[in-house]
Amino acid sequence: MAQMTSFSPAQYEVLNMLSCITDEADVAALKNLIVQFLNSRLQKEIDKLWDNGDLTEEKVAGWSHEHMRTPYRTVL
């Protein structure tokens, strides 16, 4: 059975604000804005890692030889 979760106040506010958007073009434009926002946040975090030395060219190059996969659990 699916587990019920409740929305945070921020999630509820966003859903409430977006309830009036019904045009597909507006939905696509909003999706693009959200992707840009998240990309900006991610880039800031990557820049922090790079600036403090946790992320280096050698480390990134090493990833090309790694086999990184998300472990999957079997759902019974």
PDB file of N, CA and C in Angstrom:
ATOM      1  N   MET A   1       0.841  -1.169   0.000  1.00  0.00           N
ATOM      2  CA  MET A   1       0.000   0.000   0.000  1.00  0.00           C
ATOM      3  C   MET A   1       0.891   1.238   0.000  1.00  0.00           C
ATOM      4  N   ALA A   2       0.503   2.260  -0.743  1.00  0.00           N
ATOM      5  CA  ALA A   2       1.285   3.489  -0.833  1.00  0.00           C
ATOM      6  C   ALA A   2       1.262   4.237   0.495  1.00  0.00           C
ATOM      7  N   GLN A   3       2.389   4.816   0.827  1.00  0.00           N
ATOM      8  CA  GLN A   3       2.500   5.576   2.063  1.00  0.00           C
ATOM      9  C   GLN A   3       2.059   7.020   1.798  1.00  0.00           C
ATOM     10  N   MET A   4       1.243   7.548   2.680  1.00  0.00           N
ATOM     11  CA  MET A   4       0.765   8.923   2.555  1.00  0.00           C
ATOM     12  C   MET A   4       1.806   9.860   3.164  1.00  0.00           C
ATOM     13  N   THR A   5       2.081  10.943   2.475  1.00  0.00           N
ATOM     14  CA  THR A   5       2.960  11.964   3.010  1.00  0.00           C
ATOM     15  C   THR A   5       2.238  13.299   2.941  1.00  0.00           C
ATOM     16  N   SER A   6       2.639  14.214   3.783  1.00  0.00           N
ATOM     17  CA  SER A   6       2.016  15.534   3.746  1.00  0.00           C
ATOM     18  C   SER A   6       2.984  16.525   3.122  1.00  0.00           C
ATOM     19  N   PHE A   7       2.442  17.576   2.568  1.00  0.00           N
ATOM     20  CA  PHE A   7       3.259  18.613   1.964  1.00  0.00           C
ATOM     21  C   PHE A   7       3.832  19.522   3.041  1.00  0.00           C
ATOM     22  N   SER A   8       5.034  20.007   2.786  1.00  0.00           N
ATOM     23  CA  SER A   8       5.606  21.025   3.661  1.00  0.00           C
ATOM     24  C   SER A   8       4.892  22.338   3.361  1.00  0.00           C
ATOM     25  N   PRO A   9       5.004  23.312   4.248  1.00  0.00           N
ATOM     26  CA  PRO A   9       4.386  24.608   3.958  1.00  0.00           C
ATOM     27  C   PRO A   9       4.881  25.213   2.640  1.00  0.00           C
ATOM     28  N   ALA A  10       6.158  25.058   2.334  1.00  0.00           N
ATOM     29  CA  ALA A  10       6.696  25.593   1.083  1.00  0.00           C
ATOM     30  C   ALA A  10       6.090  24.879  -0.127  1.00  0.00           C
ATOM     31  N   GLN A  11       5.976  23.539  -0.055  1.00  0.00           N
ATOM     32  CA  GLN A  11       5.388  22.781  -1.160  1.00  0.00           C
ATOM     33  C   GLN A  11       3.928  23.174  -1.363  1.00  0.00           C
ATOM     34  N   TYR A  12       3.214  23.336  -0.283  1.00  0.00           N
ATOM     35  CA  TYR A  12       1.812  23.725  -0.369  1.00  0.00           C
ATOM     36  C   TYR A  12       1.680  25.102  -1.017  1.00  0.00           C
ATOM     37  N   GLU A  13       2.551  26.022  -0.638  1.00  0.00           N
ATOM     38  CA  GLU A  13       2.510  27.371  -1.198  1.00  0.00           C
ATOM     39  C   GLU A  13       2.771  27.344  -2.696  1.00  0.00           C
ATOM     40  N   VAL A  14       3.749  26.567  -3.119  1.00  0.00           N
ATOM     41  CA  VAL A  14       4.060  26.463  -4.546  1.00  0.00           C
ATOM     42  C   VAL A  14       2.878  25.852  -5.302  1.00  0.00           C
ATOM     43  N   LEU A  15       2.311  24.785  -4.785  1.00  0.00           N
ATOM     44  CA  LEU A  15       1.142  24.176  -5.437  1.00  0.00           C
ATOM     45  C   LEU A  15      -0.016  25.157  -5.526  1.00  0.00           C
ATOM     46  N   ASN A  16      -0.222  25.908  -4.476  1.00  0.00           N
ATOM     47  CA  ASN A  16      -1.299  26.884  -4.472  1.00  0.00           C
ATOM     48  C   ASN A  16      -1.076  27.956  -5.536  1.00  0.00           C
ATOM     49  N   MET A  17       0.155  28.442  -5.646  1.00  0.00           N
ATOM     50  CA  MET A  17       0.463  29.469  -6.645  1.00  0.00           C
ATOM     51  C   MET A  17       0.325  28.933  -8.068  1.00  0.00           C
ATOM     52  N   LEU A  18       0.644  27.664  -8.262  1.00  0.00           N
ATOM     53  CA  LEU A  18       0.644  27.088  -9.605  1.00  0.00           C
ATOM     54  C   LEU A  18      -0.713  26.534 -10.030  1.00  0.00           C
ATOM     55  N   SER A  19      -1.658  26.556  -9.149  1.00  0.00           N
ATOM     56  CA  SER A  19      -2.956  25.957  -9.469  1.00  0.00           C
ATOM     57  C   SER A  19      -3.665  26.657 -10.617  1.00  0.00           C
ATOM     58  N   CYS A  20      -3.297  27.886 -10.917  1.00  0.00           N
ATOM     59  CA  CYS A  20      -3.974  28.624 -11.987  1.00  0.00           C
ATOM     60  C   CYS A  20      -3.294  28.434 -13.344  1.00  0.00           C
ATOM     61  N   ILE A  21      -2.147  27.777 -13.393  1.00  0.00           N
ATOM     62  CA  ILE A  21      -1.447  27.585 -14.670  1.00  0.00           C
ATOM     63  C   ILE A  21      -2.011  26.351 -15.368  1.00  0.00           C
ATOM     64  N   THR A  22      -2.628  26.577 -16.512  1.00  0.00           N
ATOM     65  CA  THR A  22      -3.227  25.461 -17.250  1.00  0.00           C
ATOM     66  C   THR A  22      -2.728  25.380 -18.689  1.00  0.00           C
ATOM     67  N   ASP A  23      -2.165  26.451 -19.204  1.00  0.00           N
ATOM     68  CA  ASP A  23      -1.693  26.479 -20.585  1.00  0.00           C
ATOM     69  C   ASP A  23      -0.387  25.692 -20.703  1.00  0.00           C
ATOM     70  N   GLU A  24      -0.290  24.812 -21.694  1.00  0.00           N
ATOM     71  CA  GLU A  24       0.896  23.969 -21.865  1.00  0.00           C
ATOM     72  C   GLU A  24       2.159  24.795 -22.093  1.00  0.00           C
ATOM     73  N   ALA A  25       2.038  25.905 -22.801  1.00  0.00           N
ATOM     74  CA  ALA A  25       3.204  26.760 -23.044  1.00  0.00           C
ATOM     75  C   ALA A  25       3.694  27.364 -21.730  1.00  0.00           C
ATOM     76  N   ASP A  26       2.767  27.747 -20.863  1.00  0.00           N
ATOM     77  CA  ASP A  26       3.152  28.295 -19.561  1.00  0.00           C
ATOM     78  C   ASP A  26       3.801  27.232 -18.685  1.00  0.00           C
ATOM     79  N   VAL A  27       3.302  26.009 -18.768  1.00  0.00           N
ATOM     80  CA  VAL A  27       3.887  24.912 -18.007  1.00  0.00           C
ATOM     81  C   VAL A  27       5.323  24.672 -18.477  1.00  0.00           C
ATOM     82  N   ALA A  28       5.525  24.674 -19.790  1.00  0.00           N
ATOM     83  CA  ALA A  28       6.868  24.471 -20.341  1.00  0.00           C
ATOM     84  C   ALA A  28       7.806  25.605 -19.931  1.00  0.00           C
ATOM     85  N   ALA A  29       7.321  26.840 -19.956  1.00  0.00           N
ATOM     86  CA  ALA A  29       8.143  27.979 -19.559  1.00  0.00           C
ATOM     87  C   ALA A  29       8.510  27.888 -18.079  1.00  0.00           C
ATOM     88  N   LEU A  30       7.549  27.493 -17.252  1.00  0.00           N
ATOM     89  CA  LEU A  30       7.814  27.346 -15.823  1.00  0.00           C
ATOM     90  C   LEU A  30       8.822  26.235 -15.570  1.00  0.00           C
ATOM     91  N   LYS A  31       8.683  25.130 -16.277  1.00  0.00           N
ATOM     92  CA  LYS A  31       9.626  24.024 -16.131  1.00  0.00           C
ATOM     93  C   LYS A  31      11.036  24.484 -16.482  1.00  0.00           C
ATOM     94  N   ASN A  32      11.157  25.278 -17.540  1.00  0.00           N
ATOM     95  CA  ASN A  32      12.460  25.802 -17.946  1.00  0.00           C
ATOM     96  C   ASN A  32      13.050  26.697 -16.857  1.00  0.00           C
ATOM     97  N   LEU A  33      12.238  27.543 -16.251  1.00  0.00           N
ATOM     98  CA  LEU A  33      12.714  28.403 -15.170  1.00  0.00           C
ATOM     99  C   LEU A  33      13.197  27.595 -13.972  1.00  0.00           C
ATOM    100  N   ILE A  34      12.467  26.546 -13.636  1.00  0.00           N
ATOM    101  CA  ILE A  34      12.850  25.704 -12.499  1.00  0.00           C
ATOM    102  C   ILE A  34      14.167  24.990 -12.787  1.00  0.00           C
ATOM    103  N   VAL A  35      14.320  24.492 -14.006  1.00  0.00           N
ATOM    104  CA  VAL A  35      15.574  23.827 -14.380  1.00  0.00           C
ATOM    105  C   VAL A  35      16.732  24.812 -14.303  1.00  0.00           C
ATOM    106  N   GLN A  36      16.539  26.035 -14.778  1.00  0.00           N
ATOM    107  CA  GLN A  36      17.590  27.043 -14.698  1.00  0.00           C
ATOM    108  C   GLN A  36      17.948  27.345 -13.242  1.00  0.00           C
ATOM    109  N   PHE A  37      16.935  27.462 -12.382  1.00  0.00           N
ATOM    110  CA  PHE A  37      17.165  27.728 -10.965  1.00  0.00           C
ATOM    111  C   PHE A  37      17.973  26.597 -10.325  1.00  0.00           C
ATOM    112  N   LEU A  38      17.555  25.351 -10.565  1.00  0.00           N
ATOM    113  CA  LEU A  38      18.256  24.216  -9.976  1.00  0.00           C
ATOM    114  C   LEU A  38      19.672  24.093 -10.526  1.00  0.00           C
ATOM    115  N   ASN A  39      19.845  24.380 -11.806  1.00  0.00           N
ATOM    116  CA  ASN A  39      21.177  24.342 -12.399  1.00  0.00           C
ATOM    117  C   ASN A  39      22.089  25.378 -11.749  1.00  0.00           C
ATOM    118  N   SER A  40      21.552  26.558 -11.493  1.00  0.00           N
ATOM    119  CA  SER A  40      22.326  27.609 -10.836  1.00  0.00           C
ATOM    120  C   SER A  40      22.764  27.171  -9.446  1.00  0.00           C
ATOM    121  N   ARG A  41      21.852  26.575  -8.689  1.00  0.00           N
ATOM    122  CA  ARG A  41      22.176  26.097  -7.341  1.00  0.00           C
ATOM    123  C   ARG A  41      23.244  25.012  -7.396  1.00  0.00           C
ATOM    124  N   LEU A  42      23.093  24.070  -8.321  1.00  0.00           N
ATOM    125  CA  LEU A  42      24.056  22.983  -8.466  1.00  0.00           C
ATOM    126  C   LEU A  42      25.425  23.523  -8.848  1.00  0.00           C
ATOM    127  N   GLN A  43      25.456  24.484  -9.766  1.00  0.00           N
ATOM    128  CA  GLN A  43      26.737  25.054 -10.181  1.00  0.00           C
ATOM    129  C   GLN A  43      27.433  25.739  -9.019  1.00  0.00           C
ATOM    130  N   LYS A  44      26.686  26.417  -8.151  1.00  0.00           N
ATOM    131  CA  LYS A  44      27.285  27.059  -6.972  1.00  0.00           C
ATOM    132  C   LYS A  44      27.912  26.023  -6.053  1.00  0.00           C
ATOM    133  N   GLU A  45      27.235  24.888  -5.859  1.00  0.00           N
ATOM    134  CA  GLU A  45      27.776  23.832  -5.000  1.00  0.00           C
ATOM    135  C   GLU A  45      29.024  23.206  -5.618  1.00  0.00           C
ATOM    136  N   ILE A  46      29.006  23.008  -6.926  1.00  0.00           N
ATOM    137  CA  ILE A  46      30.180  22.460  -7.610  1.00  0.00           C
ATOM    138  C   ILE A  46      31.353  23.434  -7.490  1.00  0.00           C
ATOM    139  N   ASP A  47      31.066  24.731  -7.658  1.00  0.00           N
ATOM    140  CA  ASP A  47      32.122  25.737  -7.522  1.00  0.00           C
ATOM    141  C   ASP A  47      32.722  25.725  -6.120  1.00  0.00           C
ATOM    142  N   LYS A  48      31.892  25.536  -5.100  1.00  0.00           N
ATOM    143  CA  LYS A  48      32.407  25.453  -3.724  1.00  0.00           C
ATOM    144  C   LYS A  48      33.359  24.273  -3.576  1.00  0.00           C
ATOM    145  N   LEU A  49      32.951  23.114  -4.113  1.00  0.00           N
ATOM    146  CA  LEU A  49      33.804  21.917  -4.032  1.00  0.00           C
ATOM    147  C   LEU A  49      35.122  22.152  -4.757  1.00  0.00           C
ATOM    148  N   TRP A  50      35.047  22.806  -5.909  1.00  0.00           N
ATOM    149  CA  TRP A  50      36.248  23.077  -6.701  1.00  0.00           C
ATOM    150  C   TRP A  50      37.162  24.039  -5.958  1.00  0.00           C
ATOM    151  N   ASP A  51      36.572  25.106  -5.389  1.00  0.00           N
ATOM    152  CA  ASP A  51      37.368  26.121  -4.695  1.00  0.00           C
ATOM    153  C   ASP A  51      38.068  25.589  -3.449  1.00  0.00           C
ATOM    154  N   ASN A  52      37.421  24.667  -2.728  1.00  0.00           N
ATOM    155  CA  ASN A  52      38.059  24.163  -1.509  1.00  0.00           C
ATOM    156  C   ASN A  52      38.897  22.905  -1.761  1.00  0.00           C
ATOM    157  N   GLY A  53      39.012  22.487  -3.018  1.00  0.00           N
ATOM    158  CA  GLY A  53      39.903  21.390  -3.363  1.00  0.00           C
ATOM    159  C   GLY A  53      39.301  20.000  -3.258  1.00  0.00           C
ATOM    160  N   ASP A  54      38.019  19.898  -2.890  1.00  0.00           N
ATOM    161  CA  ASP A  54      37.376  18.579  -2.822  1.00  0.00           C
ATOM    162  C   ASP A  54      37.116  18.009  -4.209  1.00  0.00           C
ATOM    163  N   LEU A  55      37.043  18.870  -5.201  1.00  0.00           N
ATOM    164  CA  LEU A  55      36.816  18.444  -6.581  1.00  0.00           C
ATOM    165  C   LEU A  55      37.986  18.945  -7.414  1.00  0.00           C
ATOM    166  N   THR A  56      38.648  18.011  -8.109  1.00  0.00           N
ATOM    167  CA  THR A  56      39.810  18.358  -8.923  1.00  0.00           C
ATOM    168  C   THR A  56      39.677  17.727 -10.296  1.00  0.00           C
ATOM    169  N   GLU A  57      40.503  18.192 -11.225  1.00  0.00           N
ATOM    170  CA  GLU A  57      40.493  17.608 -12.566  1.00  0.00           C
ATOM    171  C   GLU A  57      40.860  16.128 -12.513  1.00  0.00           C
ATOM    172  N   GLU A  58      41.777  15.776 -11.624  1.00  0.00           N
ATOM    173  CA  GLU A  58      42.185  14.376 -11.499  1.00  0.00           C
ATOM    174  C   GLU A  58      41.020  13.508 -11.015  1.00  0.00           C
ATOM    175  N   LYS A  59      40.266  14.025 -10.058  1.00  0.00           N
ATOM    176  CA  LYS A  59      39.132  13.266  -9.534  1.00  0.00           C
ATOM    177  C   LYS A  59      38.068  13.075 -10.615  1.00  0.00           C
ATOM    178  N   VAL A  60      37.786  14.121 -11.361  1.00  0.00           N
ATOM    179  CA  VAL A  60      36.792  14.027 -12.432  1.00  0.00           C
ATOM    180  C   VAL A  60      37.275  13.058 -13.511  1.00  0.00           C
ATOM    181  N   ALA A  61      38.549  13.127 -13.857  1.00  0.00           N
ATOM    182  CA  ALA A  61      39.106  12.212 -14.861  1.00  0.00           C
ATOM    183  C   ALA A  61      39.017  10.771 -14.372  1.00  0.00           C
ATOM    184  N   GLY A  62      39.216  10.551 -13.079  1.00  0.00           N
ATOM    185  CA  GLY A  62      39.132   9.203 -12.521  1.00  0.00           C
ATOM    186  C   GLY A  62      37.736   8.604 -12.629  1.00  0.00           C
ATOM    187  N   TRP A  63      36.729   9.452 -12.626  1.00  0.00           N
ATOM    188  CA  TRP A  63      35.349   8.951 -12.734  1.00  0.00           C
ATOM    189  C   TRP A  63      35.094   8.279 -14.085  1.00  0.00           C
ATOM    190  N   SER A  64      35.861   8.658 -15.100  1.00  0.00           N
ATOM    191  CA  SER A  64      35.627   8.071 -16.426  1.00  0.00           C
ATOM    192  C   SER A  64      35.969   6.585 -16.448  1.00  0.00           C
ATOM    193  N   HIS A  65      36.733   6.115 -15.464  1.00  0.00           N
ATOM    194  CA  HIS A  65      37.120   4.707 -15.409  1.00  0.00           C
ATOM    195  C   HIS A  65      36.314   3.923 -14.381  1.00  0.00           C
ATOM    196  N   GLU A  66      35.400   4.593 -13.700  1.00  0.00           N
ATOM    197  CA  GLU A  66      34.613   3.931 -12.670  1.00  0.00           C
ATOM    198  C   GLU A  66      33.285   3.455 -13.232  1.00  0.00           C
ATOM    199  N   HIS A  67      32.808   2.392 -12.635  1.00  0.00           N
ATOM    200  CA  HIS A  67      31.499   1.857 -12.999  1.00  0.00           C
ATOM    201  C   HIS A  67      30.562   2.143 -11.823  1.00  0.00           C
ATOM    202  N   MET A  68      29.939   3.323 -11.865  1.00  0.00           N
ATOM    203  CA  MET A  68      29.078   3.740 -10.755  1.00  0.00           C
ATOM    204  C   MET A  68      27.620   3.473 -11.126  1.00  0.00           C
ATOM    205  N   ARG A  69      26.981   2.672 -10.322  1.00  0.00           N
ATOM    206  CA  ARG A  69      25.574   2.366 -10.539  1.00  0.00           C
ATOM    207  C   ARG A  69      24.825   2.501  -9.230  1.00  0.00           C
ATOM    208  N   THR A  70      23.583   2.840  -9.368  1.00  0.00           N
ATOM    209  CA  THR A  70      22.707   2.881  -8.200  1.00  0.00           C
ATOM    210  C   THR A  70      22.290   1.464  -7.878  1.00  0.00           C
ATOM    211  N   PRO A  71      22.499   1.006  -6.655  1.00  0.00           N
ATOM    212  CA  PRO A  71      22.059  -0.356  -6.323  1.00  0.00           C
ATOM    213  C   PRO A  71      20.529  -0.413  -6.319  1.00  0.00           C
ATOM    214  N   TYR A  72      20.006  -1.438  -6.919  1.00  0.00           N
ATOM    215  CA  TYR A  72      18.561  -1.599  -6.988  1.00  0.00           C
ATOM    216  C   TYR A  72      18.115  -2.688  -6.031  1.00  0.00           C
ATOM    217  N   ARG A  73      17.024  -2.446  -5.373  1.00  0.00           N
ATOM    218  CA  ARG A  73      16.438  -3.467  -4.513  1.00  0.00           C
ATOM    219  C   ARG A  73      15.311  -4.129  -5.264  1.00  0.00           C
ATOM    220  N   THR A  74      15.154  -5.399  -5.041  1.00  0.00           N
ATOM    221  CA  THR A  74      14.047  -6.133  -5.638  1.00  0.00           C
ATOM    222  C   THR A  74      12.809  -5.876  -4.808  1.00  0.00           C
ATOM    223  N   VAL A  75      11.751  -5.434  -5.480  1.00  0.00           N
ATOM    224  CA  VAL A  75      10.493  -5.174  -4.785  1.00  0.00           C
ATOM    225  C   VAL A  75       9.691  -6.459  -4.772  1.00  0.00           C
ATOM    226  N   LEU A  76       9.330  -6.870  -3.588  1.00  0.00           N
ATOM    227  CA  LEU A  76       8.563  -8.113  -3.454  1.00  0.00           C
ATOM    228  C   LEU A  76       7.093  -7.843  -3.354  1.00  0.00           C
TER     229      LEU A  76
END
